[in-house]
């Protein structure tokens, strides 16, 4: 028998609210299958099964706040039937019916335990952190008191993430109807925002149509606006001769793939060069602390890699990149890109970046104006490699492989 206990999902978050339950008693699940969706102060994340087995008891319910160390589910590891769970409700579970309520359509779980294995939870939205609005309880008051001249409107009960989403989307929580009980989840806020949005199919005239902006795009837009408003950036582009690099990569890429199972692009070589340059010039590896009006120089280089996904741009980062080899950097880049595009990226992957890199060459561009990720102070962009004529020191004209590299930096520092 295995007891699944709620664990810290990252960033020191020690409690969460159960938003969805993907399994039921009697289900046989395998390692990596999602069991619960939990909302924390910063994200909504799926909790995967650390091992396979048959679900013999579910000790958490939708809307319940769970803390690190509390048992949420019991598995019989060999997949056989286990004795029925005792009817007594654990001390930490709020009074609920004996049978877990079926999720409503807004919170419906995928049949059979959800999609494929998920090692790390899905980040849904919001780069803004808000505190709790307060502990609001059900409206059951004693003998009515005389109505005062002014009665404050009770604040709706909502998860921290729902509050953050509501702030991002300008949704009034008083106008949100929770789909599952008295507590408002982020999905309820999204549903309310969609209902209150103007109809996309009706245009003012035949020359106009409307396209609704998704919540993730709104969050990205907010981050880009903050970067533009907060950072007076200067942008410089230089051409680099990468002829020897092109030749070397061509020589070793097949051997690296065979020996290490890693596809070797130009990017890991450039990341290694960038980390060496940053070590020599540590001011580029810093954050601007607006509150104290000072720079905070970081000892470790957590190198952010811009990844284009179906939901928008994400910038997970390689932790302590200065200590990694080219092959290790290549493996990290491939893993982070795959996790981001398959929606398995974790909060820890996105947090604490110190300097970022983006690749204009992936779309065939030479250079552009990269946006610095506040509070970072620099970002580097690589362009596509082109063949160009160049003059050697001996005044000979030869063909060189040239890559433009752009750096955008906070001009104040």
Foldseek 3Di string as FASTA:
>chain_A
DDFDFDADQDPPFFKWFWAAAQDDAFAWDAFQFFGTWTDTQAFIWTDTHNGTAGWQDAQEAHGAMHGGPDTGTDGDRVHDHDPHDDQDHDPRYDDDPSGHDAADPLRHHDPRRHDDGFPHIFGDDDPDGDDFPDDDDDPDDPDDDPDDPDDDDDQAAEHNVLVRLCVLLVNRPVPFDDRPPRYHYNSSSQVVSVVPDPDQCDDPDPVDGDDDDDSRNSNVVVQLVCLVVPFPKDKDKDKDFCQVVVVVCVVCQVVCCVPPVFGADCVLVVLQVVLVVCVVVQQQQWFQDPVVRDIGGDPAAFEWEWEQEPSGIATFTHTRSNPDDSRRSRVVVVVQNVCVHVSSDGPNRRPDHREYEYEQQVVQAQDDDDGGRPRRFKYKYKHHWDWDWDADPVRDTDITTMIMMMMMGRVVD
